[in-house]
Protein backbone atom coordinates (compact mmCIF):
# COMPACT_ATOMS: atom_id res chain seq x y z
CA MET A 1 71.80 74.01 97.41
CA SER A 2 75.27 75.46 97.78
CA LYS A 3 75.58 78.87 99.40
CA CYS A 4 76.68 81.63 97.01
CA VAL A 5 79.35 84.18 97.91
CA LEU A 6 80.15 87.40 96.05
CA VAL A 7 83.85 88.29 96.12
CA SER A 8 84.28 91.96 95.21
CA GLY A 9 87.79 92.68 94.01
CA GLY A 10 88.05 88.93 93.50
CA ALA A 11 90.52 89.07 90.60
CA GLY A 12 93.19 90.58 92.82
CA TYR A 13 95.80 89.06 95.11
CA ILE A 14 93.84 88.27 98.26
CA GLY A 15 90.49 87.85 96.50
CA SER A 16 91.81 85.16 94.15
CA HIS A 17 93.21 83.06 97.00
CA VAL A 18 89.99 83.44 99.00
CA THR A 19 87.99 82.36 95.94
CA VAL A 20 89.99 79.12 95.67
CA GLU A 21 89.42 78.28 99.32
CA LEU A 22 85.70 79.09 99.11
CA VAL A 23 85.28 76.74 96.14
CA ASN A 24 87.30 74.06 97.96
CA ALA A 25 84.88 74.43 100.88
CA GLY A 26 81.87 73.86 98.62
CA TYR A 27 80.67 77.42 98.04
CA GLU A 28 79.46 78.86 94.75
CA VAL A 29 81.44 82.02 93.97
CA VAL A 30 80.86 85.05 91.77
CA VAL A 31 83.87 87.29 91.19
CA ALA A 32 83.35 91.02 90.54
CA ASP A 33 86.18 93.43 89.80
CA ASN A 34 86.75 96.66 87.89
CA MET A 35 90.23 95.36 86.91
CA SER A 36 91.82 98.73 87.73
CA ASN A 37 94.68 97.15 89.66
CA CYS A 38 94.93 93.68 88.11
CA ASP A 39 94.60 91.71 84.89
CA LEU A 40 93.20 88.25 84.22
CA THR A 41 96.31 86.39 85.38
CA CYS A 42 95.05 85.46 88.84
CA TYR A 43 91.47 84.86 87.68
CA ASN A 44 92.76 82.42 85.03
CA GLY A 45 95.00 80.83 87.65
CA VAL A 46 92.01 80.31 89.95
CA CYS A 47 90.08 78.61 87.16
CA SER A 48 93.05 76.32 86.49
CA ILE A 49 93.36 75.38 90.16
CA ILE A 50 89.65 74.60 90.68
CA GLY A 51 89.17 73.06 87.24
CA LYS A 52 86.28 75.22 86.09
CA GLU A 53 85.40 78.77 85.09
CA LEU A 54 83.68 81.10 87.53
CA PRO A 55 81.40 84.03 86.73
CA LEU A 56 83.50 87.18 86.36
CA VAL A 57 81.58 90.46 86.36
CA LYS A 58 83.58 93.51 85.31
CA MET A 59 82.08 96.42 87.23
CA ASP A 60 82.85 99.28 89.59
CA PHE A 61 81.29 99.22 93.07
CA CYS A 62 81.32 103.02 93.08
CA ASP A 63 78.49 102.72 90.51
CA ILE A 64 75.44 101.85 92.60
CA SER A 65 73.34 100.97 89.56
CA ALA A 66 75.93 98.32 88.64
CA VAL A 67 75.77 96.95 92.20
CA GLN A 68 71.96 96.82 92.05
CA LYS A 69 72.09 95.01 88.71
CA LEU A 70 74.53 92.44 90.10
CA PHE A 71 72.28 91.66 93.08
CA THR A 72 69.33 91.31 90.73
CA GLU A 73 71.14 88.74 88.59
CA TYR A 74 72.44 86.63 91.51
CA LYS A 75 71.23 85.65 94.97
CA PHE A 76 74.08 85.96 97.44
CA ASP A 77 74.23 84.52 100.94
CA ALA A 78 77.33 86.55 101.77
CA VAL A 79 79.66 89.08 100.22
CA ILE A 80 83.38 89.52 100.91
CA HIS A 81 84.50 93.06 100.09
CA PHE A 82 88.05 93.55 98.77
CA ALA A 83 87.34 96.24 96.17
CA ALA A 84 89.52 99.07 97.48
CA PHE A 85 92.78 100.89 96.87
CA LYS A 86 95.43 99.68 99.31
CA ALA A 87 98.81 101.44 99.01
CA VAL A 88 99.70 103.32 102.21
CA GLY A 89 102.20 105.64 100.55
CA GLU A 90 99.92 106.51 97.65
CA SER A 91 97.08 107.27 100.05
CA VAL A 92 99.26 109.89 101.76
CA ASP A 93 99.91 111.54 98.37
CA GLU A 94 96.34 111.13 97.03
CA PRO A 95 93.94 111.05 99.99
CA LEU A 96 90.81 112.02 98.03
CA LYS A 97 91.31 109.09 95.65
CA TYR A 98 91.22 106.76 98.64
CA TYR A 99 88.32 108.36 100.49
CA ARG A 100 86.18 108.53 97.37
CA ASN A 101 86.77 104.98 96.17
CA ASN A 102 87.11 102.99 99.38
CA ILE A 103 84.18 104.52 101.23
CA LEU A 104 81.74 105.00 98.35
CA SER A 105 82.20 101.46 97.04
CA PHE A 106 81.51 100.01 100.49
CA THR A 107 78.48 102.16 101.29
CA ASN A 108 77.00 101.25 97.90
CA LEU A 109 77.53 97.57 98.65
CA ILE A 110 75.91 97.75 102.08
CA GLU A 111 72.99 99.79 100.73
CA VAL A 112 72.14 97.05 98.25
CA ALA A 113 73.15 94.01 100.33
CA ARG A 114 71.07 95.01 103.36
CA LYS A 115 67.89 95.02 101.28
CA LYS A 116 68.66 91.45 100.22
CA GLY A 117 69.50 90.19 103.71
CA CYS A 118 73.07 89.43 102.62
CA ASN A 119 75.84 88.90 105.20
CA ILE A 120 78.89 91.15 104.80
CA LEU A 121 82.53 90.28 105.44
CA PHE A 122 84.79 93.33 105.35
CA SER A 123 88.47 93.17 104.46
CA SER A 124 89.96 95.32 107.18
CA SER A 125 93.53 95.81 108.30
CA ALA A 126 95.88 96.07 111.26
CA THR A 127 96.42 99.68 110.18
CA VAL A 128 93.28 100.52 112.19
CA TYR A 129 95.38 100.15 115.36
CA GLY A 130 97.78 102.90 114.28
CA GLU A 131 100.87 103.10 116.48
CA SER A 132 99.57 101.02 119.38
CA GLU A 133 101.00 101.60 122.83
CA THR A 134 100.61 97.91 123.73
CA LEU A 135 101.76 94.84 121.79
CA PRO A 136 100.57 92.41 120.66
CA VAL A 137 97.25 94.01 119.77
CA THR A 138 93.96 92.31 120.61
CA GLU A 139 90.54 93.17 119.20
CA ARG A 140 89.98 95.22 122.37
CA THR A 141 93.12 97.29 121.86
CA PRO A 142 91.95 100.89 121.33
CA ARG A 143 92.25 102.06 117.76
CA GLN A 144 94.67 104.95 117.49
CA GLN A 145 94.46 107.75 114.98
CA ALA A 146 95.32 106.21 111.61
CA THR A 147 98.76 107.08 110.27
CA SER A 148 97.54 107.19 106.65
CA PRO A 149 94.36 107.93 104.70
CA TYR A 150 94.33 104.25 103.69
CA GLY A 151 94.23 103.21 107.35
CA ASN A 152 91.58 105.83 108.04
CA THR A 153 89.32 104.42 105.31
CA LYS A 154 89.55 101.04 107.02
CA GLN A 155 88.53 102.58 110.35
CA ILE A 156 85.65 104.47 108.74
CA CYS A 157 84.39 101.41 106.85
CA GLU A 158 84.49 99.29 110.02
CA ASP A 159 82.34 101.94 111.72
CA ILE A 160 79.95 102.07 108.76
CA LEU A 161 79.50 98.29 108.89
CA ARG A 162 79.03 98.26 112.67
CA ASP A 163 76.42 101.04 112.55
CA SER A 164 74.61 99.51 109.57
CA VAL A 165 74.32 96.12 111.26
CA LYS A 166 72.89 97.85 114.33
CA ALA A 167 70.41 99.94 112.32
CA TYR A 168 69.13 97.51 109.68
CA GLU A 169 67.46 94.17 110.26
CA GLY A 170 68.54 91.01 108.49
CA ILE A 171 72.26 91.63 107.99
CA ASN A 172 75.30 90.56 109.99
CA GLY A 173 78.87 91.73 109.55
CA ILE A 174 82.38 90.57 110.32
CA ALA A 175 85.54 92.64 109.92
CA LEU A 176 88.78 90.70 109.58
CA ARG A 177 91.76 92.80 110.58
CA TYR A 178 94.65 91.16 108.86
CA PHE A 179 98.23 91.94 109.25
CA ASN A 180 100.79 91.56 106.42
CA PRO A 181 99.64 89.06 103.76
CA VAL A 182 102.54 87.41 101.93
CA GLY A 183 103.25 84.40 99.75
CA ALA A 184 101.40 82.61 96.97
CA HIS A 185 99.34 79.49 96.33
CA PRO A 186 101.42 76.28 96.50
CA SER A 187 100.50 75.59 92.86
CA ALA A 188 102.39 78.77 91.83
CA LEU A 189 99.39 79.59 89.58
CA ILE A 190 98.26 82.61 91.61
CA GLY A 191 100.15 85.12 93.71
CA GLU A 192 100.83 88.80 94.25
CA LEU A 193 101.07 90.64 90.94
CA PRO A 194 101.58 94.37 91.52
CA ARG A 195 101.41 96.81 88.65
CA GLY A 196 104.56 98.89 88.33
CA VAL A 197 106.82 99.25 91.34
CA PRO A 198 105.57 97.06 94.21
CA ASN A 199 104.33 98.76 97.37
CA ASN A 200 104.63 95.59 99.45
CA LEU A 201 107.86 94.04 100.62
CA ALA A 202 107.56 90.42 99.45
CA PRO A 203 107.10 91.08 95.70
CA PHE A 204 109.91 93.63 95.83
CA ILE A 205 112.13 90.95 97.35
CA THR A 206 111.24 88.35 94.71
CA GLN A 207 111.47 90.83 91.83
CA THR A 208 114.93 91.88 93.03
CA ALA A 209 116.02 88.25 93.31
CA ILE A 210 114.93 87.45 89.77
CA GLY A 211 116.44 90.61 88.28
CA LYS A 212 113.37 92.75 87.61
CA ARG A 213 114.56 95.25 90.23
CA GLU A 214 118.15 96.36 90.63
CA CYS A 215 118.06 96.93 94.36
CA LEU A 216 115.70 96.44 97.30
CA SER A 217 115.24 99.47 99.54
CA ILE A 218 114.62 98.80 103.23
CA PHE A 219 112.88 101.89 104.53
CA GLY A 220 114.42 102.80 107.87
CA ASN A 221 117.07 101.05 109.96
CA ASP A 222 116.80 103.36 112.96
CA TYR A 223 113.53 102.11 114.47
CA PRO A 224 113.53 101.11 118.17
CA THR A 225 113.72 97.38 117.33
CA GLU A 226 116.47 94.80 117.72
CA ASP A 227 117.92 95.28 114.23
CA GLY A 228 116.53 98.77 113.58
CA THR A 229 113.99 97.67 110.95
CA CYS A 230 110.21 97.51 111.29
CA LEU A 231 108.51 94.55 112.95
CA ARG A 232 105.47 93.06 111.24
CA ASP A 233 103.22 90.00 111.48
CA TYR A 234 103.54 88.25 108.11
CA ILE A 235 100.54 86.01 107.47
CA ASP A 236 100.61 83.42 104.69
CA ILE A 237 98.06 84.19 101.98
CA VAL A 238 96.56 80.69 102.03
CA ASP A 239 96.18 80.76 105.82
CA LEU A 240 94.56 84.18 105.45
CA ALA A 241 92.19 82.91 102.76
CA LYS A 242 91.07 80.03 104.96
CA ALA A 243 90.17 82.51 107.71
CA HIS A 244 87.65 84.11 105.34
CA VAL A 245 86.01 80.74 104.73
CA CYS A 246 85.70 80.20 108.49
CA ALA A 247 84.16 83.66 108.94
CA VAL A 248 81.68 83.25 106.06
CA THR A 249 80.62 79.84 107.38
CA ARG A 250 80.09 81.34 110.83
CA MET A 251 77.77 83.95 109.30
CA VAL A 252 75.73 81.77 106.95
CA GLU A 253 75.27 79.05 109.58
CA GLY A 254 73.98 81.58 112.10
CA ARG A 255 76.72 80.96 114.68
CA MET A 256 77.62 84.59 115.35
CA LYS A 257 77.36 85.75 118.97
CA ASP A 258 76.88 89.38 117.93
CA GLY A 259 75.54 91.01 114.78
CA TYR A 260 78.95 92.60 114.24
CA GLU A 261 82.22 90.85 115.08
CA VAL A 262 85.89 91.71 114.62
CA TYR A 263 88.86 89.32 114.42
CA ASN A 264 92.63 89.72 114.14
CA ILE A 265 94.08 87.46 111.44
CA GLY A 266 97.79 87.04 112.04
CA THR A 267 100.40 84.61 113.32
CA GLY A 268 101.20 86.33 116.60
CA ARG A 269 104.91 86.27 115.73
CA PRO A 270 106.73 89.52 114.89
CA VAL A 271 109.33 89.33 112.11
CA SER A 272 111.60 92.23 111.18
CA VAL A 273 112.01 93.41 107.62
CA LEU A 274 115.68 92.46 107.71
CA GLU A 275 114.84 89.02 109.11
CA LEU A 276 112.39 88.46 106.25
CA VAL A 277 115.07 89.42 103.73
CA LYS A 278 117.63 87.08 105.32
CA THR A 279 115.09 84.23 105.47
CA PHE A 280 114.30 84.66 101.79
CA GLU A 281 118.02 84.49 100.92
CA LYS A 282 118.26 81.24 102.88
CA VAL A 283 115.15 79.68 101.32
CA SER A 284 115.89 80.70 97.73
CA GLY A 285 119.66 80.52 97.75
CA LYS A 286 119.67 83.93 96.07
CA PRO A 287 121.69 86.76 97.65
CA LEU A 288 119.75 90.03 97.54
CA ASN A 289 121.11 93.42 96.61
CA TYR A 290 119.58 95.71 99.22
CA LYS A 291 120.23 99.08 100.81
CA PHE A 292 118.79 101.08 103.67
CA ALA A 293 116.71 104.11 102.77
CA PRO A 294 114.95 106.82 104.81
CA ARG A 295 111.74 105.95 106.61
CA ARG A 296 108.48 106.08 104.63
CA SER A 297 105.65 108.38 105.63
CA GLY A 298 102.85 106.43 107.32
CA ASP A 299 104.98 103.47 108.47
CA ILE A 300 105.00 102.49 112.15
CA ALA A 301 107.80 100.80 114.07
CA ALA A 302 106.07 97.60 115.14
CA ILE A 303 102.76 95.77 115.10
CA TRP A 304 101.75 92.17 115.51
CA ALA A 305 98.59 90.30 116.40
CA ASP A 306 97.17 88.38 119.27
CA PRO A 307 95.09 85.97 117.13
CA SER A 308 93.63 83.97 120.04
CA LEU A 309 90.05 85.19 119.52
CA ALA A 310 90.04 84.01 115.89
CA ASN A 311 91.65 80.75 117.01
CA LYS A 312 88.83 80.18 119.51
CA GLU A 313 85.73 81.57 117.79
CA LEU A 314 86.48 80.90 114.13
CA GLY A 315 88.31 77.63 114.70
CA TRP A 316 91.13 79.03 112.58
CA LYS A 317 94.87 79.14 113.10
CA ALA A 318 97.85 80.16 110.98
CA GLU A 319 99.75 77.02 110.01
CA ARG A 320 102.38 77.84 107.39
CA SER A 321 105.90 78.93 108.36
CA VAL A 322 107.67 82.01 107.05
CA GLU A 323 110.02 79.70 105.16
CA GLN A 324 107.11 77.95 103.41
CA THR A 325 105.50 81.28 102.61
CA LEU A 326 108.63 82.76 101.05
CA ALA A 327 109.34 79.57 99.10
CA ALA A 328 105.84 79.83 97.59
CA ALA A 329 106.36 83.51 96.76
CA TRP A 330 109.64 82.63 95.01
CA ALA A 331 108.00 79.78 93.05
CA TRP A 332 105.31 82.22 91.88
CA GLU A 333 107.91 84.76 90.74
CA GLN A 334 109.74 82.05 88.81
CA HIS A 335 106.45 80.92 87.25
CA LEU A 336 105.83 84.49 86.04
CA ALA A 337 109.32 84.62 84.52
CA GLU A 338 108.59 81.49 82.48
CA LYS A 339 105.47 82.93 80.85
C-alpha cells in the first residue's frame, strides 16, 4: 500500500508544489487548508498536473476537534505542516495574530499526530537564525533572537517539535529551514498567488512587469553589501518541494539517525535583491520600473545557507538556476493574465 501524507496548508504556494512532488513519488496525499490566504487556483492546478483529484478538507488546525476528526477519517504515515501565517512585516504589526495561529495550530497537530504514531515534517525558515554573525549558516549556527514575531514562531515551533519527539514515543520529526522560495511549476499551472499587495519580492517583480503594480520598491540600498541591497538565498520552489519528499521518505523508511533532525534547504549562493531584479529583466526582456525605499522593519542585511548536510543526508541538492526560476515565475504570471 502507498504511504499517505497529510499536507496542512496544502492549497497554498509551497504546499501545492510539495503535493505534486509527493504524488510524483508515489505517495497518497490529503490536502487540508482553511483557505484564509488562498483560493482554489493552485489546488485545481495540482489536480490538472497530476491528472486526478485529491481529497481537499477545508478546516482550521486551530480547531483541535477538526484535527481529531481528520485523523479519524484518514490514516497518515506523515504530516507536512504549512498551515501558518508567514508575512514578516505583518507579524511585526500584529504579533498576537501570529502567535495565536502559528503556535496553536502546530501544538494541536502534534497532540493528535503523536497518538497516531504519525511522523511530522515542520516547515521552518532561515529566519530562525536572525542576524547571524557567521555566513553561510549551518544547522549548528546558533540561533539568534528572531527579528520578527513570525521568525519567533518558527523558533518556538521547532522547540515544541524537538521536545515532543523527546517526550513521546512513536513519533519522529524533521524541521526544514528553507531560505527564500521563488518561482513556479514549469507547467505554469501553479505558482505564488498572494492576496492583495505581495509581501515577497518575486511576485512583486512579476506583477510590476505585467502592469498590475506601477512600481517595485526595493527596501534599503544602504546595507553593507556590494550593491547596498539585501543578500538572500533564493531557492527554486520545485527544488524545495523535492526536499520535502526526500525528508518524508527518510522518516517513513526509518532512516533517521535521530528522532529530531534539522536541515537547511537552500542553494548556498547569495543573490542581492538588485541582482534578482536585473536577472529578471534579462530573462523576461521586460524593463522594470523600480525605486529604492527605506528599510523594512524585521529585514536583515544578509543570509544564505550551507546546504551540505541536506545534500549528504537527504540525498537532495538544488538544481535549478536563478534564470530558470525567474522564467517560470514570469510564465506563471502570464498564465494568470490569460485567465
